[in-house]
Amino acid sequence: MKMVINVPDEIAHYEPELRYFVDTMVQKLHINRHKGFAEVTELHVLRGQVQDEVDEMNQAFTKESQFAFFLECVDVANQAWLVALKALRVTKAEWKLR
């Protein structure tokens, strides 16, 4: 399957970096698919996991290589995507109970 994303002219010069970042996101989602996706995890848990990933990213910034830091940034983006996906899928009633 191929996805096409239109990039506005103003940021078209970032297209190679955007492609690399998104491709890496997809690869890491595939690698970590055994962990499951947003459907089976409560919103507040997913939100906490975003903070966990941010903490790992900050640790990588001070103690790891440039590429390890990049990969942790990708993990933050993936976790944020998962919580956003869950937020879009909850009902209004579920949202009020959060």
C-alpha atoms as a PDB file:
ATOM      1  CA  MET A   1       0.000   0.000   0.000  1.00  0.00           C
ATOM      2  CA  LYS A   2       1.252   3.454  -0.824  1.00  0.00           C
ATOM      3  CA  MET A   3       0.249   6.665   0.910  1.00  0.00           C
ATOM      4  CA  VAL A   4       0.552  10.020  -0.786  1.00  0.00           C
ATOM      5  CA  ILE A   5       0.841  13.123   1.362  1.00  0.00           C
ATOM      6  CA  ASN A   6       0.717  16.564  -0.197  1.00  0.00           C
ATOM      7  CA  VAL A   7       3.378  18.840   1.233  1.00  0.00           C
ATOM      8  CA  PRO A   8       2.697  22.581   1.034  1.00  0.00           C
ATOM      9  CA  ASP A   9       5.116  24.527  -1.114  1.00  0.00           C
ATOM     10  CA  GLU A  10       6.344  26.467   1.928  1.00  0.00           C
ATOM     11  CA  ILE A  11       7.801  23.305   3.479  1.00  0.00           C
ATOM     12  CA  ALA A  12       8.501  21.287   0.334  1.00  0.00           C
ATOM     13  CA  HIS A  13      12.234  21.583   0.949  1.00  0.00           C
ATOM     14  CA  TYR A  14      11.719  19.378   4.065  1.00  0.00           C
ATOM     15  CA  GLU A  15      10.195  16.554   2.007  1.00  0.00           C
ATOM     16  CA  PRO A  16      13.230  14.228   2.223  1.00  0.00           C
ATOM     17  CA  GLU A  17      13.446  14.640   6.016  1.00  0.00           C
ATOM     18  CA  LEU A  18       9.682  14.228   6.441  1.00  0.00           C
ATOM     19  CA  ARG A  19       9.753  11.077   4.333  1.00  0.00           C
ATOM     20  CA  TYR A  20      12.639   9.634   6.348  1.00  0.00           C
ATOM     21  CA  PHE A  21      10.967  10.487   9.663  1.00  0.00           C
ATOM     22  CA  VAL A  22       7.602   9.007   8.679  1.00  0.00           C
ATOM     23  CA  ASP A  23       9.236   5.918   7.153  1.00  0.00           C
ATOM     24  CA  THR A  24      11.098   5.411  10.426  1.00  0.00           C
ATOM     25  CA  MET A  25       7.847   5.860  12.374  1.00  0.00           C
ATOM     26  CA  VAL A  26       6.219   3.145  10.278  1.00  0.00           C
ATOM     27  CA  GLN A  27       9.191   0.808  10.713  1.00  0.00           C
ATOM     28  CA  LYS A  28       9.185   1.265  14.489  1.00  0.00           C
ATOM     29  CA  LEU A  29       5.400   0.760  14.649  1.00  0.00           C
ATOM     30  CA  HIS A  30       5.910  -2.490  12.756  1.00  0.00           C
ATOM     31  CA  ILE A  31       8.767  -3.590  15.003  1.00  0.00           C
ATOM     32  CA  ASN A  32       6.697  -2.851  18.120  1.00  0.00           C
ATOM     33  CA  ARG A  33       3.400  -4.224  16.829  1.00  0.00           C
ATOM     34  CA  HIS A  34       3.525  -6.952  19.479  1.00  0.00           C
ATOM     35  CA  LYS A  35       2.813  -4.220  22.043  1.00  0.00           C
ATOM     36  CA  GLY A  36      -0.576  -3.577  20.468  1.00  0.00           C
ATOM     37  CA  PHE A  37      -2.193  -0.392  19.334  1.00  0.00           C
ATOM     38  CA  ALA A  38      -4.468   2.194  20.895  1.00  0.00           C
ATOM     39  CA  GLU A  39      -7.680   0.192  20.655  1.00  0.00           C
ATOM     40  CA  VAL A  40      -7.078  -1.909  23.768  1.00  0.00           C
ATOM     41  CA  THR A  41      -5.448   0.701  26.019  1.00  0.00           C
ATOM     42  CA  GLU A  42      -7.246   3.377  27.994  1.00  0.00           C
ATOM     43  CA  LEU A  43      -6.649   6.989  27.025  1.00  0.00           C
ATOM     44  CA  HIS A  44      -5.089   7.999  30.348  1.00  0.00           C
ATOM     45  CA  VAL A  45      -2.613   5.105  30.109  1.00  0.00           C
ATOM     46  CA  LEU A  46      -1.597   6.087  26.586  1.00  0.00           C
ATOM     47  CA  ARG A  47      -1.156   9.678  27.710  1.00  0.00           C
ATOM     48  CA  GLY A  48       1.164   8.541  30.489  1.00  0.00           C
ATOM     49  CA  GLN A  49       3.135   6.496  27.992  1.00  0.00           C
ATOM     50  CA  VAL A  50       3.784   9.656  25.981  1.00  0.00           C
ATOM     51  CA  GLN A  51       5.480  11.129  29.044  1.00  0.00           C
ATOM     52  CA  ASP A  52       7.488   7.915  29.472  1.00  0.00           C
ATOM     53  CA  GLU A  53       8.715   8.250  25.892  1.00  0.00           C
ATOM     54  CA  VAL A  54       9.587  11.920  26.440  1.00  0.00           C
ATOM     55  CA  ASP A  55      11.624  10.897  29.489  1.00  0.00           C
ATOM     56  CA  GLU A  56      13.466   8.286  27.384  1.00  0.00           C
ATOM     57  CA  MET A  57      14.077  10.899  24.699  1.00  0.00           C
ATOM     58  CA  ASN A  58      15.534  13.311  27.252  1.00  0.00           C
ATOM     59  CA  GLN A  59      17.790  10.587  28.634  1.00  0.00           C
ATOM     60  CA  ALA A  60      18.979   9.734  25.119  1.00  0.00           C
ATOM     61  CA  PHE A  61      19.748  13.406  24.524  1.00  0.00           C
ATOM     62  CA  THR A  62      22.221  13.459  27.398  1.00  0.00           C
ATOM     63  CA  LYS A  63      23.612   9.914  27.259  1.00  0.00           C
ATOM     64  CA  GLU A  64      23.189   8.408  23.799  1.00  0.00           C
ATOM     65  CA  SER A  65      24.262   8.942  20.214  1.00  0.00           C
ATOM     66  CA  GLN A  66      22.673  11.414  17.842  1.00  0.00           C
ATOM     67  CA  PHE A  67      20.881   8.572  16.027  1.00  0.00           C
ATOM     68  CA  ALA A  68      19.639   6.992  19.264  1.00  0.00           C
ATOM     69  CA  PHE A  69      18.186  10.392  20.171  1.00  0.00           C
ATOM     70  CA  PHE A  70      16.520  10.571  16.749  1.00  0.00           C
ATOM     71  CA  LEU A  71      14.952   7.139  17.313  1.00  0.00           C
ATOM     72  CA  GLU A  72      13.616   8.219  20.694  1.00  0.00           C
ATOM     73  CA  CYS A  73      12.082  11.281  19.013  1.00  0.00           C
ATOM     74  CA  VAL A  74      10.364   8.880  16.613  1.00  0.00           C
ATOM     75  CA  ASP A  75       9.077   6.883  19.595  1.00  0.00           C
ATOM     76  CA  VAL A  76       7.601  10.078  21.079  1.00  0.00           C
ATOM     77  CA  ALA A  77       5.892  10.835  17.770  1.00  0.00           C
ATOM     78  CA  ASN A  78       4.523   7.281  17.531  1.00  0.00           C
ATOM     79  CA  GLN A  79       3.171   7.330  21.059  1.00  0.00           C
ATOM     80  CA  ALA A  80       1.593  10.739  20.478  1.00  0.00           C
ATOM     81  CA  TRP A  81       0.012   9.348  17.313  1.00  0.00           C
ATOM     82  CA  LEU A  82      -1.395   6.372  19.231  1.00  0.00           C
ATOM     83  CA  VAL A  83      -2.945   8.574  21.914  1.00  0.00           C
ATOM     84  CA  ALA A  84      -4.325  10.926  19.255  1.00  0.00           C
ATOM     85  CA  LEU A  85      -5.804   7.950  17.407  1.00  0.00           C
ATOM     86  CA  LYS A  86      -7.475   6.762  20.600  1.00  0.00           C
ATOM     87  CA  ALA A  87      -8.783  10.276  21.313  1.00  0.00           C
ATOM     88  CA  LEU A  88     -10.416  10.384  17.883  1.00  0.00           C
ATOM     89  CA  ARG A  89     -12.071   7.010  18.438  1.00  0.00           C
ATOM     90  CA  VAL A  90     -13.592   7.438  21.894  1.00  0.00           C
ATOM     91  CA  THR A  91     -17.227   8.369  22.144  1.00  0.00           C
ATOM     92  CA  LYS A  92     -18.336  11.684  23.625  1.00  0.00           C
ATOM     93  CA  ALA A  93     -19.555   9.787  26.689  1.00  0.00           C
ATOM     94  CA  GLU A  94     -16.153   8.114  27.104  1.00  0.00           C
ATOM     95  CA  TRP A  95     -14.433  11.479  26.660  1.00  0.00           C
ATOM     96  CA  LYS A  96     -16.507  13.004  29.474  1.00  0.00           C
ATOM     97  CA  LEU A  97     -15.483  10.145  31.802  1.00  0.00           C
ATOM     98  CA  ARG A  98     -11.784  10.604  31.256  1.00  0.00           C
END
